[in-house]
Protein backbone atom coordinates (compact mmCIF):
# COMPACT_ATOMS: atom_id res chain seq x y z
CA MET A 1 0.00 0.00 0.00
CA LYS A 2 1.26 3.48 -0.80
CA MET A 3 0.23 7.01 0.06
CA ASN A 4 0.00 9.85 -2.41
CA PRO A 5 1.96 12.02 -1.92
CA ALA A 6 4.76 10.07 -0.21
CA SER A 7 4.05 9.47 3.45
CA LYS A 8 5.43 7.01 5.93
CA LYS A 9 3.35 3.99 6.83
CA GLN A 10 3.02 3.94 10.58
CA GLY A 11 1.30 1.52 12.89
CA ILE A 12 0.43 1.65 16.56
CA GLU A 13 1.08 -1.56 18.41
CA LEU A 14 -1.31 -2.35 21.26
CA ARG A 15 -1.12 -5.47 23.36
CA SER A 16 -4.09 -7.77 23.63
CA GLY A 17 -5.95 -6.90 26.83
CA THR A 18 -5.06 -3.20 26.74
CA THR A 19 -7.93 -0.94 27.76
CA VAL A 20 -8.54 2.11 25.62
CA ARG A 21 -10.69 4.68 27.42
CA GLY A 22 -12.00 7.61 25.39
CA LYS A 23 -10.88 11.00 26.65
CA TRP A 24 -14.18 12.71 25.93
CA HIS A 25 -16.88 10.02 25.99
CA GLN A 26 -15.19 7.78 28.57
CA ASN A 27 -16.20 4.60 26.74
CA LYS A 28 -13.87 1.67 27.45
CA TYR A 29 -12.64 -0.80 24.82
CA THR A 30 -10.64 -3.94 25.52
CA ILE A 31 -8.17 -4.61 22.72
CA GLY A 32 -8.08 -8.07 21.14
CA ARG A 33 -6.17 -9.15 18.04
CA LYS A 34 -4.92 -6.90 15.26
CA LEU A 35 -7.14 -6.96 12.17
CA GLY A 36 -4.90 -4.94 9.90
CA ALA A 37 -2.61 -1.95 9.50
CA GLY A 38 -2.43 0.68 6.79
CA ALA A 39 -0.97 4.05 5.95
CA ILE A 40 -3.43 5.89 8.19
CA GLY A 41 -3.65 3.66 11.24
CA THR A 42 -4.08 0.24 12.80
CA VAL A 43 -7.36 -1.66 13.22
CA TYR A 44 -8.01 -3.96 16.18
CA LEU A 45 -10.80 -6.26 17.16
CA CYS A 46 -12.04 -5.00 20.49
CA GLU A 47 -14.81 -5.61 23.01
CA HIS A 48 -17.23 -3.03 24.39
CA ASN A 49 -19.97 -3.98 26.85
CA GLY A 50 -19.52 -7.63 25.88
CA LYS A 51 -19.94 -6.99 22.16
CA PRO A 52 -17.26 -7.11 19.42
CA ALA A 53 -16.31 -4.02 17.45
CA ALA A 54 -13.46 -2.78 15.27
CA LEU A 55 -11.29 0.04 16.60
CA LYS A 56 -9.00 2.07 14.33
CA ILE A 57 -6.32 4.14 16.02
CA SER A 58 -3.78 6.60 14.62
CA GLU A 59 -1.59 9.56 15.47
CA LYS A 60 -2.80 11.25 12.26
CA GLY A 61 -5.78 13.12 13.63
CA THR A 62 -6.55 15.04 10.44
CA SER A 63 -6.59 11.90 8.29
CA MET A 64 -8.79 10.14 10.84
CA THR A 65 -11.23 13.05 10.75
CA VAL A 66 -11.48 12.64 6.96
CA GLU A 67 -12.24 8.91 7.35
CA VAL A 68 -14.89 9.62 9.98
CA ASN A 69 -16.51 12.14 7.64
CA VAL A 70 -16.51 9.52 4.89
CA LEU A 71 -18.25 7.00 7.15
CA LYS A 72 -20.82 9.63 8.11
CA SER A 73 -21.40 10.43 4.45
CA LEU A 74 -21.82 6.76 3.55
CA LYS A 75 -24.41 6.39 6.30
CA LYS A 76 -26.58 8.91 4.45
CA VAL A 77 -26.40 7.02 1.15
CA GLN A 78 -29.57 5.12 0.30
CA GLY A 79 -29.26 1.44 1.14
CA ASN A 80 -26.49 1.91 3.74
CA HIS A 81 -24.60 -1.19 2.57
CA LEU A 82 -21.42 0.71 1.83
CA GLY A 83 -19.23 0.96 4.90
CA PRO A 84 -19.41 -0.35 8.46
CA SER A 85 -21.57 1.63 10.91
CA LEU A 86 -19.69 4.25 12.91
CA LEU A 87 -20.12 3.72 16.68
CA ASP A 88 -17.78 6.15 18.42
CA VAL A 89 -15.11 8.81 17.79
CA ASP A 90 -12.69 9.91 20.49
CA ASP A 91 -9.09 10.44 21.60
CA TRP A 92 -6.98 8.23 23.86
CA MET A 93 -4.01 9.14 26.05
CA ASN A 94 -1.65 6.25 26.67
CA PRO A 95 0.32 5.78 29.93
CA ARG A 96 3.23 7.79 28.46
CA GLY A 97 0.98 10.79 27.87
CA GLU A 98 0.83 10.39 24.07
CA VAL A 99 -2.53 11.23 22.51
CA TYR A 100 -4.01 9.24 19.63
CA SER A 101 -7.23 9.58 17.68
CA PHE A 102 -9.48 6.57 17.28
CA TYR A 103 -12.88 5.62 16.02
CA VAL A 104 -14.95 2.49 16.52
CA MET A 105 -16.96 0.68 13.84
CA GLU A 106 -19.23 -2.33 13.75
CA TYR A 107 -17.26 -5.54 13.33
CA LEU A 108 -18.18 -7.34 10.11
CA ASN A 109 -17.35 -11.01 10.44
CA GLY A 110 -17.57 -12.96 7.20
CA GLU A 111 -15.60 -14.61 4.41
CA THR A 112 -13.13 -13.05 2.04
CA LEU A 113 -14.27 -12.73 -1.56
CA PRO A 114 -11.63 -15.17 -2.93
CA HIS A 115 -12.46 -17.78 -0.28
CA PHE A 116 -16.22 -17.55 -0.93
CA ILE A 117 -15.83 -17.89 -4.71
CA LYS A 118 -13.50 -20.88 -4.39
CA ALA A 119 -15.79 -22.60 -1.87
CA ASN A 120 -18.96 -22.00 -3.88
CA ASP A 121 -20.06 -21.89 -7.51
CA LYS A 122 -18.56 -19.55 -10.12
CA ASP A 123 -22.05 -18.15 -10.81
CA TRP A 124 -21.65 -15.98 -7.73
CA LEU A 125 -19.03 -13.99 -9.64
CA GLY A 126 -21.65 -12.12 -11.66
CA VAL A 127 -23.82 -11.52 -8.60
CA PHE A 128 -20.97 -10.00 -6.60
CA MET A 129 -19.84 -7.95 -9.59
CA ILE A 130 -23.29 -6.38 -9.84
CA GLN A 131 -23.51 -5.82 -6.07
CA LEU A 132 -20.12 -4.12 -6.01
CA LEU A 133 -20.95 -1.94 -9.01
CA GLU A 134 -24.22 -0.86 -7.37
CA ASP A 135 -22.35 0.12 -4.22
CA LEU A 136 -19.67 1.95 -6.19
CA ASP A 137 -22.36 3.82 -8.11
CA ARG A 138 -23.94 5.00 -4.84
CA LEU A 139 -20.52 6.07 -3.58
CA HIS A 140 -19.64 7.89 -6.80
CA GLN A 141 -22.97 9.71 -6.90
CA SER A 142 -22.30 10.97 -3.38
CA GLY A 143 -19.05 12.57 -4.55
CA TRP A 144 -16.49 10.01 -3.39
CA ILE A 145 -14.13 7.51 -5.03
CA PHE A 146 -13.11 4.36 -3.13
CA GLY A 147 -9.45 4.61 -4.15
CA ASP A 148 -7.84 1.64 -2.43
CA LEU A 149 -10.26 -0.99 -3.73
CA LYS A 150 -8.86 -4.50 -3.11
CA PRO A 151 -10.04 -7.87 -1.71
CA GLU A 152 -8.65 -7.07 1.74
CA ASN A 153 -11.16 -4.23 1.99
CA LEU A 154 -14.13 -6.42 1.03
CA ILE A 155 -15.99 -9.14 2.90
CA ILE A 156 -18.93 -11.45 2.17
CA LEU A 157 -21.66 -11.58 4.79
CA SER A 158 -24.38 -14.25 4.79
CA PRO A 159 -27.25 -14.98 4.53
CA PRO A 160 -28.04 -13.94 1.89
CA PRO A 161 -24.49 -13.52 0.56
CA ARG A 162 -23.77 -9.80 0.34
CA ILE A 163 -20.53 -7.98 -0.42
CA ARG A 164 -19.60 -5.28 2.11
CA TRP A 165 -16.72 -2.86 2.61
CA VAL A 166 -14.61 -3.09 5.76
CA ASP A 167 -12.16 -0.21 5.27
CA VAL A 168 -12.82 3.13 3.58
CA GLY A 169 -9.45 4.63 4.47
CA GLY A 170 -8.50 5.29 0.84
CA THR A 171 -11.76 7.01 -0.08
CA THR A 172 -11.08 10.33 -1.83
CA LYS A 173 -13.23 13.26 -2.93
CA THR A 174 -13.96 13.16 -6.65
CA GLY A 175 -11.48 15.20 -8.65
CA ARG A 176 -8.63 15.05 -6.15
CA ALA A 177 -5.49 12.90 -6.26
CA ILE A 178 -5.95 9.37 -4.92
CA LYS A 179 -4.49 9.49 -1.43
CA GLU A 180 -3.94 5.77 -0.78
CA TYR A 181 -3.48 2.88 -3.20
CA THR A 182 -2.00 -0.59 -3.66
CA GLU A 183 0.13 -0.99 -6.78
CA PHE A 184 -1.47 -4.13 -8.23
CA TYR A 185 -4.91 -2.47 -8.27
CA ASP A 186 -3.65 0.99 -9.26
CA ARG A 187 -4.02 1.99 -12.90
CA GLY A 188 -1.19 4.49 -12.44
CA TYR A 189 1.21 1.64 -11.69
CA TRP A 190 0.15 -0.10 -14.92
CA GLY A 191 0.36 3.10 -16.95
CA MET A 192 -3.34 2.80 -17.80
CA GLY A 193 -4.39 6.21 -16.54
CA THR A 194 -3.87 8.87 -13.91
CA ARG A 195 -4.42 8.74 -10.16
CA ARG A 196 -7.17 11.30 -10.39
CA ALA A 197 -10.17 10.31 -8.28
CA GLU A 198 -12.89 9.46 -10.80
CA PRO A 199 -15.22 6.48 -11.39
CA SER A 200 -12.96 4.92 -14.01
CA TYR A 201 -10.17 4.67 -11.42
CA ASP A 202 -12.33 2.42 -9.23
CA LEU A 203 -13.54 0.42 -12.22
CA PHE A 204 -9.97 -0.46 -13.19
CA ALA A 205 -9.35 -1.65 -9.62
CA PHE A 206 -12.65 -3.58 -9.81
CA VAL A 207 -11.21 -5.71 -12.64
CA MET A 208 -8.00 -6.33 -10.70
CA VAL A 209 -10.00 -7.44 -7.64
CA PHE A 210 -11.64 -10.25 -9.62
CA LEU A 211 -8.39 -11.14 -11.39
CA ASN A 212 -6.71 -11.48 -7.99
CA ILE A 213 -9.10 -14.34 -7.13
CA TYR A 214 -7.42 -16.41 -9.84
CA TYR A 215 -3.93 -14.94 -9.47
CA PRO A 216 -3.57 -14.97 -5.66
CA ASN A 217 0.16 -14.25 -5.92
CA ARG A 218 -0.66 -11.41 -8.32
CA PHE A 219 1.67 -10.67 -11.23
CA ILE A 220 3.91 -7.80 -12.23
CA LYS A 221 4.77 -5.81 -15.34
CA ASN A 222 7.02 -7.91 -17.57
CA GLY A 223 8.00 -5.47 -20.29
CA GLU A 224 5.08 -6.04 -22.64
CA PRO A 225 2.36 -3.36 -22.96
CA SER A 226 0.15 -3.38 -19.86
CA GLU A 227 -3.08 -3.50 -21.84
CA LYS A 228 -1.90 -6.58 -23.74
CA LEU A 229 -0.75 -8.28 -20.54
CA LEU A 230 -3.97 -7.59 -18.62
CA PHE A 231 -6.16 -8.66 -21.54
CA LYS A 232 -4.19 -11.91 -21.74
CA LYS A 233 -4.62 -12.53 -18.01
CA ILE A 234 -8.38 -12.02 -18.33
CA ASP A 235 -8.59 -14.39 -21.31
CA GLN A 236 -6.69 -17.09 -19.44
CA VAL A 237 -9.35 -17.33 -16.69
CA LYS A 238 -12.17 -19.59 -17.84
CA ASP A 239 -14.60 -18.34 -15.16
CA LEU A 240 -14.17 -14.75 -16.35
CA TYR A 241 -14.76 -15.62 -20.02
CA PRO A 242 -18.43 -14.50 -20.12
CA TYR A 243 -17.46 -11.10 -18.68
CA ARG A 244 -14.24 -10.57 -20.61
CA THR A 245 -15.54 -7.84 -22.95
CA VAL A 246 -16.91 -5.75 -20.08
CA LEU A 247 -13.77 -6.23 -17.98
CA LYS A 248 -11.50 -5.21 -20.85
CA LYS A 249 -13.51 -2.05 -21.42
CA ALA A 250 -13.10 -1.18 -17.74
CA VAL A 251 -9.33 -1.72 -18.00
CA LYS A 252 -9.23 0.73 -20.91
CA GLY A 253 -11.26 3.30 -18.97
CA THR A 254 -14.19 3.19 -21.39
CA TYR A 255 -16.94 3.50 -18.77
CA ALA A 256 -17.76 6.96 -17.47
CA SER A 257 -19.83 5.54 -14.62
CA SER A 258 -20.39 2.38 -12.61
CA ALA A 259 -24.03 2.43 -13.73
CA ASN A 260 -23.00 2.09 -17.38
CA MET A 261 -20.75 -0.85 -16.61
CA LYS A 262 -23.46 -2.48 -14.49
CA ARG A 263 -26.02 -2.25 -17.31
CA GLU A 264 -23.70 -4.04 -19.73
CA LEU A 265 -22.80 -6.62 -17.11
CA ILE A 266 -26.48 -7.38 -16.43
CA THR A 267 -27.01 -7.92 -20.16
CA VAL A 268 -24.06 -10.33 -20.23
CA LEU A 269 -25.38 -12.13 -17.16
CA ASN A 270 -28.84 -12.55 -18.69
CA VAL A 271 -27.40 -13.91 -21.94
CA THR A 272 -25.19 -16.32 -20.01
CA LYS A 273 -28.15 -17.62 -17.96
CA LYS A 274 -30.28 -18.10 -21.07
CA ARG A 275 -27.48 -20.04 -22.73
CA GLN A 276 -27.03 -22.22 -19.63
CA ASN A 277 -30.77 -22.87 -19.41
CA TYR A 278 -30.92 -23.77 -23.10
CA HIS A 279 -28.13 -26.33 -22.84
CA ARG A 280 -29.56 -27.71 -19.59
CA THR A 281 -33.01 -28.10 -21.20
CA LYS A 282 -31.50 -29.98 -24.15
CA LYS A 283 -29.60 -32.25 -21.78
CA PHE A 284 -32.56 -32.82 -19.42
CA PRO A 285 -35.69 -32.24 -21.55
CA LYS A 286 -38.08 -33.85 -19.07
CA THR A 287 -36.95 -31.79 -16.11
CA LYS A 288 -38.20 -28.24 -15.75
CA LEU A 289 -35.86 -27.24 -12.94
CA GLN A 290 -32.95 -29.17 -11.53
CA LEU A 291 -31.08 -27.12 -8.95
CA ALA A 292 -28.71 -30.02 -8.40
CA GLU A 293 -27.48 -29.86 -11.98
CA PRO A 294 -24.63 -27.60 -13.11
CA GLY A 295 -25.89 -24.04 -13.43
CA GLY A 296 -28.66 -24.60 -10.87
CA ILE A 297 -26.70 -22.74 -8.27
CA GLY A 298 -26.80 -19.79 -10.67
CA ILE A 299 -30.57 -19.59 -10.20
CA LEU A 300 -30.08 -19.59 -6.44
CA ALA A 301 -27.41 -16.93 -6.80
CA VAL A 302 -29.75 -14.65 -8.71
CA LEU A 303 -32.51 -15.23 -6.15
CA TYR A 304 -30.12 -14.38 -3.32
CA TYR A 305 -29.08 -11.29 -5.24
CA LEU A 306 -32.68 -10.13 -5.57
CA LEU A 307 -33.27 -10.78 -1.87
CA SER A 308 -30.17 -8.78 -0.97
CA LEU A 309 -31.72 -5.71 -2.57
CA LEU A 310 -34.43 -5.80 0.07
CA PHE A 311 -32.03 -5.60 3.02
């Protein structure tokens, strides 16, 4: 992960069992295990009044204020599926007299996107793509760009399976320079565009998120043109074949909005389902619906997707 402009990555190490008491609200949080660390701060699993939560702490008060404002903005977005709920914002003075800013979020406990896809059917790919594009569209319409979009910042909650965001630390106001990014998902690293915060920046990272499922060790520039390399990587993944045209257009920065990309993806998904149903009907002409057969899980996936829109 990198900051833009250059900034040191710092983390605050807290021992398990440490009590963090807010200076202003006096709420007490018992620190558990570390959940992650980034350029802005460190996130810990904690306990408050017997319930789990996620606490992010940093010495960068200004940056933390920006993140808190992002979470507050996301709470106002229709649907409220975007980020975790904000529970508390305060300062903490450690025994040495050093003051840190922290905020507390709901703890989202689920599966990672790569793990869910590998453990379930490939038909969930299209469902999660549409869910993520819907969420990105809501975010973009509210004037923000996710920025540091990557699998580590996504989680799948069930039931029904729903993609959620767990860290909005890289979120940047539209039009500004992306403040936090990870090279593999950054179009600037690949020479495929600028680091200006705009929808197409997130849509490039969107493609890299789904490529990372099949290239867990990632891959690097090898001297050949980036567009040619990325197109080849997409073509080499059988599960991504139905979506390859849409994904390639996102890599090139063709889409001006997440909504445009979502519409084309829905069309692709509908065509794919019709083709699957046609071949299944030819193979099993006497059976109207066989959920146990290949492609049946796709019907369940679509049903779960429709249900998720109600929550």
